[in-house]
Amino acid sequence: MIVLGVILLIIGFVASIPVLWSIGIALVVIGLVLAVLGRAGTKVAGRSHWF
């Protein structure tokens, strides 16, 4: 999710599309939150592992 967010940020910046920029920021933030919760051992959406 973080990688997809970064890709959308780059595409949004290069193509000057603010919607992609906003979606990219949201995906990066959500991805970072899920990564931190996963590292802390907290279950996310009822799952303790995402693999």
N, C-alpha and C. Protein backbone atom coordinates (compact mmCIF):
# COMPACT_ATOMS: atom_id res chain seq x y z
N MET A 1 0.83 -1.18 0.00
CA MET A 1 0.00 0.00 0.00
C MET A 1 0.88 1.25 0.00
N ILE A 2 1.97 1.17 0.72
CA ILE A 2 2.88 2.32 0.76
C ILE A 2 3.50 2.55 -0.62
N VAL A 3 3.89 1.47 -1.27
CA VAL A 3 4.50 1.59 -2.59
C VAL A 3 3.50 2.16 -3.60
N LEU A 4 2.26 1.68 -3.57
CA LEU A 4 1.24 2.21 -4.46
C LEU A 4 1.01 3.70 -4.20
N GLY A 5 0.99 4.10 -2.93
CA GLY A 5 0.83 5.51 -2.59
C GLY A 5 1.96 6.37 -3.13
N VAL A 6 3.18 5.87 -3.03
CA VAL A 6 4.33 6.62 -3.54
C VAL A 6 4.26 6.74 -5.07
N ILE A 7 3.85 5.65 -5.74
CA ILE A 7 3.71 5.70 -7.19
C ILE A 7 2.66 6.73 -7.59
N LEU A 8 1.52 6.75 -6.90
CA LEU A 8 0.49 7.73 -7.20
C LEU A 8 0.96 9.15 -6.91
N LEU A 9 1.75 9.33 -5.86
CA LEU A 9 2.31 10.65 -5.58
C LEU A 9 3.19 11.13 -6.73
N ILE A 10 4.02 10.25 -7.23
CA ILE A 10 4.93 10.62 -8.32
C ILE A 10 4.14 10.94 -9.58
N ILE A 11 3.17 10.07 -9.93
CA ILE A 11 2.36 10.30 -11.13
C ILE A 11 1.56 11.59 -10.98
N GLY A 12 0.98 11.81 -9.81
CA GLY A 12 0.21 13.03 -9.58
C GLY A 12 1.05 14.28 -9.66
N PHE A 13 2.28 14.19 -9.20
CA PHE A 13 3.18 15.35 -9.25
C PHE A 13 3.62 15.64 -10.69
N VAL A 14 4.01 14.59 -11.41
CA VAL A 14 4.50 14.77 -12.77
C VAL A 14 3.38 15.22 -13.71
N ALA A 15 2.20 14.62 -13.57
CA ALA A 15 1.09 14.94 -14.47
C ALA A 15 0.24 16.11 -13.97
N SER A 16 0.56 16.66 -12.83
CA SER A 16 -0.18 17.77 -12.22
C SER A 16 -1.67 17.44 -12.04
N ILE A 17 -1.91 16.25 -11.45
CA ILE A 17 -3.28 15.82 -11.18
C ILE A 17 -3.44 15.78 -9.65
N PRO A 18 -4.14 16.78 -9.08
CA PRO A 18 -4.25 16.86 -7.62
C PRO A 18 -4.99 15.70 -6.98
N VAL A 19 -5.91 15.06 -7.71
CA VAL A 19 -6.65 13.93 -7.15
C VAL A 19 -5.70 12.76 -6.87
N LEU A 20 -4.80 12.47 -7.80
CA LEU A 20 -3.83 11.39 -7.57
C LEU A 20 -2.89 11.72 -6.43
N TRP A 21 -2.54 12.98 -6.31
CA TRP A 21 -1.67 13.43 -5.21
C TRP A 21 -2.35 13.17 -3.87
N SER A 22 -3.64 13.52 -3.78
CA SER A 22 -4.39 13.33 -2.53
C SER A 22 -4.57 11.85 -2.20
N ILE A 23 -4.90 11.05 -3.19
CA ILE A 23 -5.06 9.61 -2.97
C ILE A 23 -3.73 8.99 -2.56
N GLY A 24 -2.65 9.43 -3.17
CA GLY A 24 -1.32 8.91 -2.83
C GLY A 24 -0.95 9.22 -1.39
N ILE A 25 -1.23 10.43 -0.95
CA ILE A 25 -0.95 10.79 0.45
C ILE A 25 -1.76 9.92 1.40
N ALA A 26 -3.05 9.74 1.08
CA ALA A 26 -3.91 8.92 1.93
C ALA A 26 -3.40 7.48 2.00
N LEU A 27 -3.00 6.91 0.87
CA LEU A 27 -2.51 5.53 0.87
C LEU A 27 -1.21 5.38 1.65
N VAL A 28 -0.33 6.35 1.52
CA VAL A 28 0.92 6.28 2.28
C VAL A 28 0.64 6.34 3.78
N VAL A 29 -0.24 7.24 4.20
CA VAL A 29 -0.55 7.37 5.62
C VAL A 29 -1.22 6.09 6.14
N ILE A 30 -2.20 5.57 5.41
CA ILE A 30 -2.88 4.35 5.84
C ILE A 30 -1.89 3.18 5.89
N GLY A 31 -1.02 3.08 4.89
CA GLY A 31 -0.02 2.02 4.87
C GLY A 31 0.94 2.10 6.04
N LEU A 32 1.36 3.31 6.38
CA LEU A 32 2.25 3.47 7.53
C LEU A 32 1.56 3.11 8.84
N VAL A 33 0.29 3.50 8.98
CA VAL A 33 -0.46 3.15 10.20
C VAL A 33 -0.60 1.64 10.32
N LEU A 34 -0.96 0.97 9.24
CA LEU A 34 -1.09 -0.48 9.28
C LEU A 34 0.24 -1.16 9.56
N ALA A 35 1.32 -0.62 9.00
CA ALA A 35 2.65 -1.20 9.25
C ALA A 35 3.04 -1.06 10.72
N VAL A 36 2.76 0.10 11.30
CA VAL A 36 3.09 0.31 12.72
C VAL A 36 2.25 -0.59 13.60
N LEU A 37 0.96 -0.71 13.30
CA LEU A 37 0.10 -1.60 14.09
C LEU A 37 0.53 -3.05 13.95
N GLY A 38 0.94 -3.44 12.76
CA GLY A 38 1.41 -4.81 12.56
C GLY A 38 2.69 -5.08 13.31
N ARG A 39 3.58 -4.12 13.36
CA ARG A 39 4.84 -4.29 14.11
C ARG A 39 4.60 -4.35 15.61
N ALA A 40 3.55 -3.65 16.07
CA ALA A 40 3.26 -3.61 17.50
C ALA A 40 2.55 -4.88 17.96
N GLY A 41 2.14 -5.73 17.01
CA GLY A 41 1.47 -6.97 17.37
C GLY A 41 -0.03 -6.80 17.57
N THR A 42 -0.57 -5.65 17.22
CA THR A 42 -1.99 -5.39 17.37
C THR A 42 -2.75 -6.04 16.22
N LYS A 43 -3.88 -6.68 16.53
CA LYS A 43 -4.69 -7.26 15.48
C LYS A 43 -5.39 -6.14 14.72
N VAL A 44 -5.37 -6.23 13.40
CA VAL A 44 -6.02 -5.24 12.56
C VAL A 44 -7.14 -5.96 11.81
N ALA A 45 -8.37 -5.50 11.98
CA ALA A 45 -9.55 -6.10 11.34
C ALA A 45 -9.68 -7.58 11.68
N GLY A 46 -9.34 -7.95 12.91
CA GLY A 46 -9.49 -9.32 13.36
C GLY A 46 -8.38 -10.26 12.95
N ARG A 47 -7.36 -9.76 12.29
CA ARG A 47 -6.25 -10.61 11.85
C ARG A 47 -4.96 -10.16 12.53
N SER A 48 -4.20 -11.13 12.96
CA SER A 48 -2.92 -10.78 13.57
C SER A 48 -1.78 -10.82 12.56
N HIS A 49 -2.03 -11.49 11.42
CA HIS A 49 -1.00 -11.56 10.37
C HIS A 49 -1.65 -11.27 9.03
N TRP A 50 -0.89 -10.67 8.13
CA TRP A 50 -1.39 -10.33 6.79
C TRP A 50 -0.54 -11.00 5.73
N PHE A 51 -0.51 -12.33 5.74
CA PHE A 51 0.22 -13.03 4.70
C PHE A 51 -0.51 -14.29 4.33
